[in-house]
């Protein structure tokens, strides 16, 4: 029987991973500060038990509506029945910048379990400046808890997070609403008006607003042990909804492994740890893998260890949140967005792809301005993102509310397969969503040359007779509009949208 001794150790940031002992008896936990105190347990560690159905859920919604407070409250309520380790608010938002600004910046992962299910929970950032991290977190969810403050109702990121939840494929039946801060809104009529607003918003984004569960409560009251009818009881009601209403998706077990890296940590002398969700297939220690995407090719390694929330995993299955230790890889061999596949796979990373794209209307959170040929946007898919140049097939531009077939020339070679979902953002606005259709031959050097792109944009403006790219291109290329035809129907349509 191993002798257990609890030793406090300080671990440098460079050594922090998702709960992996690395064979030296020290369990390293997730951290976001420069240092972390951990517990060493020489002689053994817990093994992950797969004795309950597993589901990946998370909190989404506008900044300051209470997502992190609710996450903390869930762990506190379940800690009473040993279903979770209680995480204080400051334990979740624990990076220096998060503490200084009082907002969530990175998606945070934790686990808990009820009598019926095991959950991996992702607390997503709500601030518009960190939507990139929210997209990465939402891409790993199979169910979403939309947190809305009863004091505010629907806000900009409420809408955008719902849109992104739909785009990453969160099922219609797997969305619940937690109407938070009801202790600050004693008027029942006001609460009901906010509920009606949220139900209409759910319908707008093709979720079942009429039947979606809406829980009235106060996460802060649950944390402070006050007003149990809107505090602790509301948390129990929410957990019951997760158990009874949320559907566990079918797991694609009998196929080759695919795992998209969310975070990467390099441990000197030991290898590299990547964290994220196993999308399909099974994985175990000793499996030979290859990393592709993000301009990485022929990067091969062997799985040296698997863990999930500080527990050793003997065989990982689809949906598992994992930390994977890869032997012999350095910090430049893998990055966020890379994809892990088995050696001998048939996939090829690509920098040119054909896709079906839908451009969002302003009422859907999109832009008023249509998308034009050769404009550079930012594409998000799985856990990767990169810039891409848009080429519209058989059209001059795509109006908001329209769909079209497009070609995307990416700035890097990425992992893409047919029917993989993607999102396009311009600045702080989500302008379009779609699916990849077909990988195309790699870009030529001429296509990659940014000077050629500027020439194409200028030629496009001269052909159309107006500037479809907005102020940015106007400043760079300084087009001459003195001879623009006033009866150009495309120009008239564009001018109408700019109002």
Protein backbone atom coordinates (compact mmCIF):
# COMPACT_ATOMS: atom_id res chain seq x y z
CA UNK A 1 0.00 0.00 0.00
CA UNK A 2 1.62 3.26 -1.08
CA UNK A 3 2.44 5.84 1.54
CA UNK A 4 0.70 9.12 0.71
CA UNK A 5 2.34 12.37 1.73
CA UNK A 6 0.97 15.77 0.77
CA UNK A 7 3.83 18.01 -0.26
CA UNK A 8 3.31 21.65 -1.24
CA UNK A 9 5.35 22.50 -4.31
CA UNK A 10 5.61 25.57 -6.52
CA UNK A 11 5.44 24.75 -10.22
CA UNK A 12 6.64 27.20 -12.92
CA UNK A 13 4.05 28.25 -15.47
CA UNK A 14 5.94 26.40 -18.20
CA UNK A 15 5.27 23.09 -16.41
CA UNK A 16 1.55 23.51 -15.83
CA UNK A 17 -0.73 21.10 -17.67
CA UNK A 18 -4.16 19.58 -17.35
CA UNK A 19 -3.62 17.51 -14.24
CA UNK A 20 -0.76 15.28 -15.42
CA UNK A 21 1.71 13.65 -13.03
CA UNK A 22 4.32 13.02 -15.76
CA UNK A 23 5.61 10.09 -13.75
CA UNK A 24 7.37 12.15 -11.09
CA UNK A 25 4.58 11.97 -8.51
CA UNK A 26 3.50 15.59 -8.87
CA UNK A 27 0.05 16.45 -10.10
CA UNK A 28 0.15 19.67 -12.10
CA UNK A 29 -3.18 21.50 -12.33
CA UNK A 30 -4.61 24.00 -14.78
CA UNK A 31 -3.20 27.46 -14.03
CA UNK A 32 -3.27 30.89 -15.53
CA UNK A 33 -1.03 32.76 -13.10
CA UNK A 34 2.77 32.73 -13.15
CA UNK A 35 2.97 30.08 -10.42
CA UNK A 36 0.67 27.55 -8.77
CA UNK A 37 0.65 25.54 -5.57
CA UNK A 38 -0.10 21.87 -6.16
CA UNK A 39 -0.21 18.69 -4.12
CA UNK A 40 2.25 15.89 -4.78
CA UNK A 41 0.95 12.41 -4.16
CA UNK A 42 3.87 9.99 -4.59
CA UNK A 43 2.99 6.39 -5.14
CA UNK A 44 -0.33 6.66 -6.93
CA UNK A 45 -3.14 8.81 -8.32
CA UNK A 46 -6.83 8.55 -9.08
CA UNK A 47 -8.06 6.73 -12.16
CA UNK A 48 -10.96 8.18 -14.14
CA UNK A 49 -14.05 5.96 -13.74
CA UNK A 50 -16.41 5.76 -16.68
CA UNK A 51 -19.44 4.74 -14.62
CA UNK A 52 -21.87 7.50 -15.70
CA UNK A 53 -22.90 9.02 -19.03
CA UNK A 54 -20.70 12.02 -19.89
CA UNK A 55 -21.76 15.38 -21.36
CA UNK A 56 -19.86 18.58 -22.14
CA UNK A 57 -21.81 21.67 -21.11
CA UNK A 58 -20.95 25.31 -20.52
CA UNK A 59 -22.12 28.78 -19.60
CA UNK A 60 -22.57 31.41 -22.32
CA UNK A 61 -23.96 34.94 -22.26
CA UNK A 62 -23.16 38.62 -21.93
CA UNK A 63 -20.30 39.94 -19.81
CA UNK A 64 -21.18 40.46 -16.11
CA UNK A 65 -24.44 38.53 -16.33
CA UNK A 66 -23.13 35.94 -13.87
CA UNK A 67 -21.67 33.02 -15.84
CA UNK A 68 -18.68 32.50 -13.56
CA UNK A 69 -20.77 33.07 -10.42
CA UNK A 70 -23.21 30.40 -11.62
CA UNK A 71 -20.35 28.01 -12.38
CA UNK A 72 -19.01 28.50 -8.86
CA UNK A 73 -22.50 28.06 -7.37
CA UNK A 74 -22.97 24.74 -9.17
CA UNK A 75 -19.76 23.39 -7.65
CA UNK A 76 -20.77 24.61 -4.18
CA UNK A 77 -24.18 22.95 -4.28
CA UNK A 78 -22.75 19.68 -5.61
CA UNK A 79 -19.84 19.72 -3.17
CA UNK A 80 -22.35 19.03 -0.39
CA UNK A 81 -23.01 15.61 -1.95
CA UNK A 82 -19.37 15.09 -3.02
CA UNK A 83 -20.34 15.61 -6.65
CA UNK A 84 -17.79 18.38 -7.18
CA UNK A 85 -14.85 20.20 -5.71
CA UNK A 86 -16.06 23.65 -4.66
CA UNK A 87 -14.44 26.33 -6.81
CA UNK A 88 -14.64 29.88 -5.55
CA UNK A 89 -15.21 32.68 -8.05
CA UNK A 90 -11.60 33.82 -7.71
CA UNK A 91 -10.39 30.26 -8.35
CA UNK A 92 -12.08 30.31 -11.75
CA UNK A 93 -11.14 33.85 -12.81
CA UNK A 94 -7.61 33.46 -11.48
CA UNK A 95 -5.33 35.01 -14.10
CA UNK A 96 -3.83 38.37 -13.04
CA UNK A 97 -5.62 40.27 -15.83
CA UNK A 98 -8.92 38.54 -15.03
CA UNK A 99 -8.61 39.55 -11.38
CA UNK A 100 -7.62 43.11 -12.30
CA UNK A 101 -10.50 43.61 -14.74
CA UNK A 102 -13.06 41.44 -12.96
CA UNK A 103 -14.02 39.56 -16.13
CA UNK A 104 -13.42 36.13 -17.64
CA UNK A 105 -10.84 36.13 -20.44
CA UNK A 106 -9.99 32.45 -21.02
CA UNK A 107 -12.45 29.58 -21.15
CA UNK A 108 -12.14 27.64 -17.87
CA UNK A 109 -12.74 23.89 -17.57
CA UNK A 110 -13.94 21.98 -14.52
CA UNK A 111 -15.88 18.79 -13.77
CA UNK A 112 -18.80 17.80 -11.60
CA UNK A 113 -21.30 14.98 -11.40
CA UNK A 114 -24.88 14.44 -10.36
CA UNK A 115 -26.46 11.15 -9.34
CA UNK A 116 -27.12 10.43 -13.02
CA UNK A 117 -24.35 12.02 -15.13
CA UNK A 118 -20.77 13.24 -15.26
CA UNK A 119 -20.22 16.73 -16.72
CA UNK A 120 -17.28 18.65 -18.07
CA UNK A 121 -18.16 22.34 -17.72
CA UNK A 122 -16.69 25.21 -19.74
CA UNK A 123 -17.08 28.74 -18.40
CA UNK A 124 -16.83 30.99 -21.47
CA UNK A 125 -15.76 34.66 -21.53
CA UNK A 126 -18.55 37.10 -22.28
CA UNK A 127 -16.57 40.22 -23.15
CA UNK A 128 -16.56 41.13 -26.85
CA UNK A 129 -12.76 41.50 -26.84
CA UNK A 130 -12.35 37.80 -26.03
CA UNK A 131 -14.90 36.27 -28.41
CA UNK A 132 -12.08 34.21 -29.97
CA UNK A 133 -11.69 32.32 -26.69
CA UNK A 134 -15.45 31.95 -26.43
CA UNK A 135 -15.63 30.35 -29.90
CA UNK A 136 -12.93 27.84 -28.94
CA UNK A 137 -14.76 26.98 -25.73
CA UNK A 138 -18.18 26.71 -27.38
CA UNK A 139 -16.76 24.41 -30.07
CA UNK A 140 -16.26 21.78 -27.35
CA UNK A 141 -19.78 22.06 -25.87
CA UNK A 142 -22.65 19.65 -26.42
CA UNK A 143 -25.06 21.67 -24.30
CA UNK A 144 -25.27 25.33 -23.27
CA UNK A 145 -26.60 27.23 -20.26
CA UNK A 146 -27.48 30.73 -21.46
CA UNK A 147 -27.06 33.08 -18.50
CA UNK A 148 -29.12 36.28 -18.69
CA UNK A 149 -29.32 38.93 -15.99
CA UNK A 150 -32.93 39.77 -15.17
CA UNK A 151 -31.74 43.34 -14.57
CA UNK A 152 -30.62 43.76 -18.20
CA UNK A 153 -32.35 41.23 -20.42
CA UNK A 154 -30.80 40.34 -23.77
CA UNK A 155 -27.58 42.21 -24.56
CA UNK A 156 -25.15 42.17 -27.55
CA UNK A 157 -23.12 39.13 -26.45
CA UNK A 158 -26.33 37.30 -25.50
CA UNK A 159 -27.28 37.39 -29.16
CA UNK A 160 -23.79 36.65 -30.46
CA UNK A 161 -23.24 33.72 -28.11
CA UNK A 162 -26.55 32.18 -29.18
CA UNK A 163 -25.56 32.61 -32.81
CA UNK A 164 -22.19 30.96 -32.19
CA UNK A 165 -23.84 28.15 -30.21
CA UNK A 166 -26.02 27.41 -33.22
CA UNK A 167 -23.05 27.60 -35.57
CA UNK A 168 -20.84 25.16 -33.63
CA UNK A 169 -23.71 22.69 -33.62
CA UNK A 170 -25.13 22.71 -30.09
CA UNK A 171 -28.38 20.71 -30.46
CA UNK A 172 -31.74 22.48 -30.30
CA UNK A 173 -32.84 20.51 -27.24
CA UNK A 174 -29.59 21.16 -25.35
CA UNK A 175 -30.04 24.83 -24.46
CA UNK A 176 -31.41 26.05 -21.14
CA UNK A 177 -31.74 29.60 -19.79
CA UNK A 178 -30.72 30.64 -16.29
CA UNK A 179 -32.39 33.99 -15.59
CA UNK A 180 -29.94 35.35 -13.02
CA UNK A 181 -30.09 38.18 -10.46
CA UNK A 182 -33.84 37.86 -9.89
CA UNK A 183 -33.23 38.97 -6.30
CA UNK A 184 -32.61 42.43 -7.77
CA UNK A 185 -35.88 42.36 -9.75
CA UNK A 186 -38.70 41.73 -7.25
CA UNK A 187 -41.43 42.71 -9.73
CA UNK A 188 -42.89 39.52 -11.25
CA UNK A 189 -44.17 41.32 -14.34
CA UNK A 190 -40.65 42.56 -15.17
CA UNK A 191 -39.27 39.03 -14.81
CA UNK A 192 -41.93 37.69 -17.16
CA UNK A 193 -41.15 40.38 -19.75
CA UNK A 194 -37.48 39.40 -19.72
CA UNK A 195 -38.47 35.73 -20.08
CA UNK A 196 -40.65 36.57 -23.10
CA UNK A 197 -37.78 38.52 -24.66
CA UNK A 198 -35.37 35.61 -24.24
CA UNK A 199 -37.85 33.07 -25.61
CA UNK A 200 -38.33 35.23 -28.70
CA UNK A 201 -34.55 35.46 -29.07
CA UNK A 202 -34.22 31.68 -28.88
CA UNK A 203 -36.82 31.30 -31.63
CA UNK A 204 -34.96 33.84 -33.74
CA UNK A 205 -31.84 31.67 -33.62
CA UNK A 206 -33.79 28.47 -34.35
CA UNK A 207 -33.84 27.16 -30.79
CA UNK A 208 -37.20 26.08 -29.29
CA UNK A 209 -38.04 29.27 -27.42
CA UNK A 210 -41.57 28.14 -26.54
CA UNK A 211 -40.40 24.97 -24.77
CA UNK A 212 -36.82 25.71 -23.66
CA UNK A 213 -36.34 25.43 -19.87
CA UNK A 214 -36.04 28.82 -18.14
CA UNK A 215 -34.88 28.82 -14.52
CA UNK A 216 -35.33 31.91 -12.35
CA UNK A 217 -32.63 32.28 -9.71
CA UNK A 218 -29.70 34.06 -8.15
CA UNK A 219 -26.29 32.43 -8.38
CA UNK A 220 -24.95 34.88 -5.80
CA UNK A 221 -27.65 33.89 -3.30
CA UNK A 222 -26.69 30.25 -3.85
CA UNK A 223 -23.06 31.08 -3.12
CA UNK A 224 -23.87 33.11 -0.02
CA UNK A 225 -26.47 30.67 1.32
CA UNK A 226 -29.27 33.25 1.16
CA UNK A 227 -32.87 32.97 -0.05
CA UNK A 228 -32.74 29.23 -0.84
CA UNK A 229 -35.88 29.39 -2.99
CA UNK A 230 -34.00 31.44 -5.62
CA UNK A 231 -30.51 30.36 -4.57
CA UNK A 232 -29.71 26.71 -3.90
CA UNK A 233 -33.06 25.44 -5.17
CA UNK A 234 -32.58 27.17 -8.53
CA UNK A 235 -29.21 25.44 -8.94
CA UNK A 236 -30.79 22.06 -8.18
CA UNK A 237 -33.53 22.84 -10.69
CA UNK A 238 -30.90 23.67 -13.32
CA UNK A 239 -29.00 20.44 -12.64
CA UNK A 240 -32.24 18.49 -12.97
CA UNK A 241 -32.76 20.08 -16.39
CA UNK A 242 -29.26 19.00 -17.45
CA UNK A 243 -29.98 15.45 -16.29
CA UNK A 244 -33.49 15.08 -17.68
CA UNK A 245 -33.73 17.38 -20.71
CA UNK A 246 -30.27 17.50 -22.28
CA UNK A 247 -29.58 14.73 -24.79
CA UNK A 248 -26.20 12.99 -24.94
CA UNK A 249 -25.08 12.91 -28.59
CA UNK A 250 -24.03 9.72 -30.32
CA UNK A 251 -20.31 9.13 -29.89
CA UNK A 252 -18.31 8.29 -33.01
CA UNK A 253 -16.14 5.58 -31.44
CA UNK A 254 -15.46 3.18 -34.32
CA UNK A 255 -13.42 5.51 -36.50
CA UNK A 256 -9.97 7.06 -36.58
CA UNK A 257 -8.93 9.46 -33.84
CA UNK A 258 -9.36 13.21 -34.26
CA UNK A 259 -8.42 15.65 -31.50
CA UNK A 260 -8.16 19.45 -31.91
CA UNK A 261 -5.66 21.17 -29.60
CA UNK A 262 -7.10 23.97 -27.47
CA UNK A 263 -4.05 24.72 -25.29
CA UNK A 264 -0.43 23.64 -25.57
CA UNK A 265 2.13 23.42 -22.75
CA UNK A 266 5.77 22.50 -23.26
CA UNK A 267 7.57 20.69 -20.43
CA UNK A 268 11.33 20.77 -20.82
CA UNK A 269 12.85 17.29 -20.93
CA UNK A 270 9.47 15.52 -20.98
CA UNK A 271 7.57 16.55 -24.08
CA UNK A 272 4.48 18.59 -24.79
CA UNK A 273 0.97 18.45 -23.39
CA UNK A 274 -2.04 19.39 -25.50
CA UNK A 275 -5.49 19.84 -23.99
CA UNK A 276 -8.92 19.77 -25.58
CA UNK A 277 -11.83 17.48 -26.43
CA UNK A 278 -11.49 14.14 -28.21
CA UNK A 279 -13.83 14.55 -31.18
CA UNK A 280 -13.92 10.94 -32.37
CA UNK A 281 -12.21 7.58 -32.07
CA UNK A 282 -10.46 6.18 -29.02
CA UNK A 283 -6.99 6.94 -27.69
CA UNK A 284 -4.69 5.19 -25.23
CA UNK A 285 -1.12 5.35 -24.01
CA UNK A 286 1.37 4.14 -26.62
CA UNK A 287 -0.72 5.16 -29.64
CA UNK A 288 1.30 6.63 -32.51
CA UNK A 289 -0.02 9.96 -33.72
CA UNK A 290 0.71 12.76 -36.19
CA UNK A 291 0.09 16.50 -35.88
CA UNK A 292 -1.21 18.44 -38.89
CA UNK A 293 -2.57 21.94 -39.47
CA UNK A 294 -1.23 25.42 -38.69
CA UNK A 295 1.45 24.81 -41.37
CA UNK A 296 2.73 21.73 -39.48
CA UNK A 297 3.49 18.60 -41.50
CA UNK A 298 5.03 15.21 -40.68
CA UNK A 299 5.16 15.97 -36.94
CA UNK A 300 4.98 12.52 -35.35
CA UNK A 301 4.90 11.42 -31.74
CA UNK A 302 3.67 8.79 -29.27
CA UNK A 303 1.06 9.26 -26.55
CA UNK A 304 2.95 8.98 -23.26
CA UNK A 305 0.07 9.77 -20.91
CA UNK A 306 -3.63 10.62 -20.79
CA UNK A 307 -5.48 12.45 -18.04
CA UNK A 308 -8.82 14.12 -17.48
CA UNK A 309 -9.22 16.55 -14.59
CA UNK A 310 -6.23 15.14 -12.69
CA UNK A 311 -7.30 11.53 -13.15
CA UNK A 312 -5.45 8.97 -15.24
CA UNK A 313 -7.41 7.79 -18.29
CA UNK A 314 -6.72 4.27 -19.51
CA UNK A 315 -8.63 4.71 -22.77
CA UNK A 316 -10.10 8.02 -23.92
CA UNK A 317 -13.42 8.12 -25.74
CA UNK A 318 -15.17 10.79 -27.82
CA UNK A 319 -16.33 13.73 -25.72
CA UNK A 320 -13.58 13.35 -23.10
CA UNK A 321 -11.77 16.52 -22.00
CA UNK A 322 -8.13 15.47 -22.01
CA UNK A 323 -4.57 16.40 -21.33
CA UNK A 324 -2.34 14.37 -23.67
CA UNK A 325 1.39 14.08 -23.04
CA UNK A 326 3.27 13.68 -26.33
CA UNK A 327 6.81 12.40 -26.29
CA UNK A 328 9.64 14.28 -27.96
CA UNK A 329 7.77 17.36 -29.20
CA UNK A 330 9.08 20.89 -28.71
CA UNK A 331 7.23 24.20 -28.35
CA UNK A 332 7.32 24.86 -32.12
CA UNK A 333 5.98 21.44 -33.15
CA UNK A 334 2.37 22.01 -32.12
CA UNK A 335 0.13 24.97 -31.33
CA UNK A 336 -3.51 25.74 -30.61
CA UNK A 337 -5.58 24.75 -33.63
CA UNK A 338 -3.41 21.82 -34.69
CA UNK A 339 -5.17 18.48 -35.04
CA UNK A 340 -3.98 15.11 -33.74
CA UNK A 341 -4.58 12.14 -36.06
CA UNK A 342 -3.31 8.55 -36.13
CA UNK A 343 -0.16 7.88 -38.11
CA UNK A 344 -1.01 6.57 -41.57
CA UNK A 345 -4.08 8.78 -41.96
CA UNK A 346 -5.16 10.00 -45.40
CA UNK A 347 -5.85 13.66 -44.54
CA UNK A 348 -3.97 16.60 -46.06
CA UNK A 349 -3.93 20.06 -44.52
CA UNK A 350 -5.02 22.69 -47.03
CA UNK A 351 -4.84 26.44 -47.56
CA UNK A 352 -7.57 26.60 -50.23
CA UNK A 353 -11.11 25.30 -49.84
CA UNK A 354 -14.55 25.55 -51.40
CA UNK A 355 -17.39 26.31 -48.99
CA UNK A 356 -21.06 27.22 -48.65
CA UNK A 357 -21.36 30.57 -46.84
CA UNK A 358 -24.37 32.36 -45.37
CA UNK A 359 -23.98 36.09 -44.64
CA UNK A 360 -25.83 37.20 -41.54
CA UNK A 361 -28.39 40.00 -41.60
CA UNK A 362 -28.05 42.90 -39.12
CA UNK A 363 -31.03 41.52 -37.20
CA UNK A 364 -29.06 38.27 -36.79
CA UNK A 365 -26.04 40.10 -35.40
CA UNK A 366 -24.31 40.54 -38.75
CA UNK A 367 -23.15 43.56 -40.72
CA UNK A 368 -25.09 45.88 -43.03
CA UNK A 369 -22.32 45.70 -45.62
CA UNK A 370 -22.18 42.84 -48.17
CA UNK A 371 -19.09 40.67 -48.55
CA UNK A 372 -17.09 41.35 -51.70
CA UNK A 373 -14.51 39.45 -53.72
CA UNK A 374 -10.91 39.42 -52.45
CA UNK A 375 -11.76 40.85 -49.04
CA UNK A 376 -9.75 39.39 -46.16
CA UNK A 377 -11.78 38.05 -43.23
CA UNK A 378 -10.95 35.95 -40.16
CA UNK A 379 -12.12 32.34 -40.22
CA UNK A 380 -12.75 30.20 -37.10
CA UNK A 381 -13.23 26.42 -37.16
CA UNK A 382 -12.68 23.73 -34.51
CA UNK A 383 -10.03 25.37 -32.30
CA UNK A 384 -8.12 27.12 -35.11
CA UNK A 385 -8.46 30.56 -36.63
CA UNK A 386 -6.61 32.39 -39.38
CA UNK A 387 -7.12 35.12 -41.97
CA UNK A 388 -8.61 34.17 -45.32
CA UNK A 389 -9.23 35.87 -48.65
CA UNK A 390 -12.74 35.46 -50.02
CA UNK A 391 -13.50 34.66 -53.64
CA UNK A 392 -17.21 34.47 -54.48
CA UNK A 393 -18.15 31.98 -57.18
CA UNK A 394 -20.44 33.36 -59.92
CA UNK A 395 -21.37 36.54 -57.99
CA UNK A 396 -19.92 40.00 -57.37
CA UNK A 397 -20.76 40.07 -53.67
CA UNK A 398 -23.01 38.42 -51.09
CA UNK A 399 -25.75 40.54 -49.56
CA UNK A 400 -26.73 40.07 -45.88
CA UNK A 401 -29.30 37.28 -45.72
CA UNK A 402 -27.94 35.57 -48.85
CA UNK A 403 -25.99 32.33 -49.26
CA UNK A 404 -23.37 31.58 -51.88
CA UNK A 405 -20.63 29.18 -52.86
CA UNK A 406 -17.21 30.66 -52.12
CA UNK A 407 -13.52 29.87 -52.26
CA UNK A 408 -11.41 30.67 -49.20
CA UNK A 409 -7.66 31.15 -49.52
CA UNK A 410 -6.25 30.67 -46.01
CA UNK A 411 -3.09 32.24 -44.63
CA UNK A 412 -2.00 28.83 -43.27
CA UNK A 413 -2.57 25.18 -44.13
CA UNK A 414 -5.29 23.92 -41.80
CA UNK A 415 -7.13 20.68 -41.07
CA UNK A 416 -10.40 20.79 -43.02
CA UNK A 417 -12.84 18.07 -43.99
CA UNK A 418 -16.24 18.18 -45.75
CA UNK A 419 -19.19 19.44 -43.65
CA UNK A 420 -16.86 20.94 -41.04
CA UNK A 421 -18.46 24.13 -39.71
CA UNK A 422 -16.81 27.54 -39.74
CA UNK A 423 -17.52 31.13 -38.72
CA UNK A 424 -16.31 34.34 -40.37
CA UNK A 425 -15.72 37.49 -38.35
CA UNK A 426 -14.79 41.02 -39.43
CA UNK A 427 -13.41 43.03 -36.54
CA UNK A 428 -15.76 42.45 -33.61
CA UNK A 429 -18.70 41.33 -35.76
CA UNK A 430 -19.66 37.81 -36.79
CA UNK A 431 -20.57 38.32 -40.44
CA UNK A 432 -21.10 34.81 -41.76
CA UNK A 433 -21.33 31.10 -41.05
CA UNK A 434 -21.03 28.05 -43.23
CA UNK A 435 -19.65 24.60 -43.96
CA UNK A 436 -16.60 23.51 -45.90
CA UNK A 437 -17.44 21.51 -49.03
CA UNK A 438 -14.24 20.48 -50.79
CA UNK A 439 -10.49 20.87 -50.32
CA UNK A 440 -8.82 22.42 -53.38
CA UNK A 441 -5.23 22.20 -54.68
CA UNK A 442 -2.76 24.38 -52.71
CA UNK A 443 -2.45 28.09 -53.49
CA UNK A 444 0.12 29.14 -56.05
CA UNK A 445 2.84 31.62 -55.13
CA UNK A 446 0.96 34.19 -57.19
CA UNK A 447 -2.19 33.67 -55.11
CA UNK A 448 -0.22 34.04 -51.88
CA UNK A 449 1.40 37.33 -52.93
CA UNK A 450 -0.36 40.21 -51.07
CA UNK A 451 0.56 42.68 -53.83
CA UNK A 452 -1.43 40.67 -56.34
CA UNK A 453 -4.40 40.72 -54.01
CA UNK A 454 -4.33 44.53 -53.87
CA UNK A 455 -4.24 44.66 -57.66
CA UNK A 456 -7.25 42.34 -57.84
CA UNK A 457 -9.16 44.48 -55.34
CA UNK A 458 -8.44 47.65 -57.31
CA UNK A 459 -9.48 45.98 -60.55
CA UNK A 460 -12.69 44.80 -58.88
CA UNK A 461 -13.54 48.35 -57.78
CA UNK A 462 -12.94 49.66 -61.29
CA UNK A 463 -15.09 46.90 -62.77
CA UNK A 464 -17.98 47.51 -60.34
CA UNK A 465 -17.73 51.28 -60.47
CA UNK A 466 -17.80 51.68 -56.68
CA UNK A 467 -15.81 50.62 -53.62
CA UNK A 468 -17.30 47.48 -52.00
CA UNK A 469 -14.58 47.22 -49.35
CA UNK A 470 -15.36 50.23 -47.15
CA UNK A 471 -12.98 52.70 -45.54
CA UNK A 472 -10.03 50.33 -45.13
CA UNK A 473 -9.55 49.70 -48.84
CA UNK A 474 -10.39 53.30 -49.67
CA UNK A 475 -7.49 54.52 -47.52
CA UNK A 476 -5.05 51.96 -48.90
CA UNK A 477 -5.93 52.03 -52.59
CA UNK A 478 -7.41 55.55 -52.97
CA UNK A 479 -9.85 54.69 -55.78
CA UNK A 480 -11.23 57.39 -58.06
CA UNK A 481 -15.03 57.54 -58.00
CA UNK A 482 -15.42 60.51 -60.36
CA UNK A 483 -16.47 58.25 -63.24
CA UNK A 484 -18.64 55.81 -61.26
CA UNK A 485 -21.89 55.06 -63.12
CA UNK A 486 -24.82 56.42 -61.13
CA UNK A 487 -27.20 53.81 -62.53
CA UNK A 488 -25.09 50.83 -61.44
CA UNK A 489 -27.65 48.58 -59.63
CA UNK A 490 -24.94 47.03 -57.46
CA UNK A 491 -23.80 50.48 -56.36
CA UNK A 492 -27.37 51.51 -55.54
CA UNK A 493 -27.88 48.38 -53.45
CA UNK A 494 -24.64 48.97 -51.62
CA UNK A 495 -25.47 52.62 -50.92
CA UNK A 496 -28.81 51.54 -49.49
CA UNK A 497 -27.15 49.15 -47.08
CA UNK A 498 -24.69 51.76 -45.88
CA UNK A 499 -27.44 54.01 -44.52
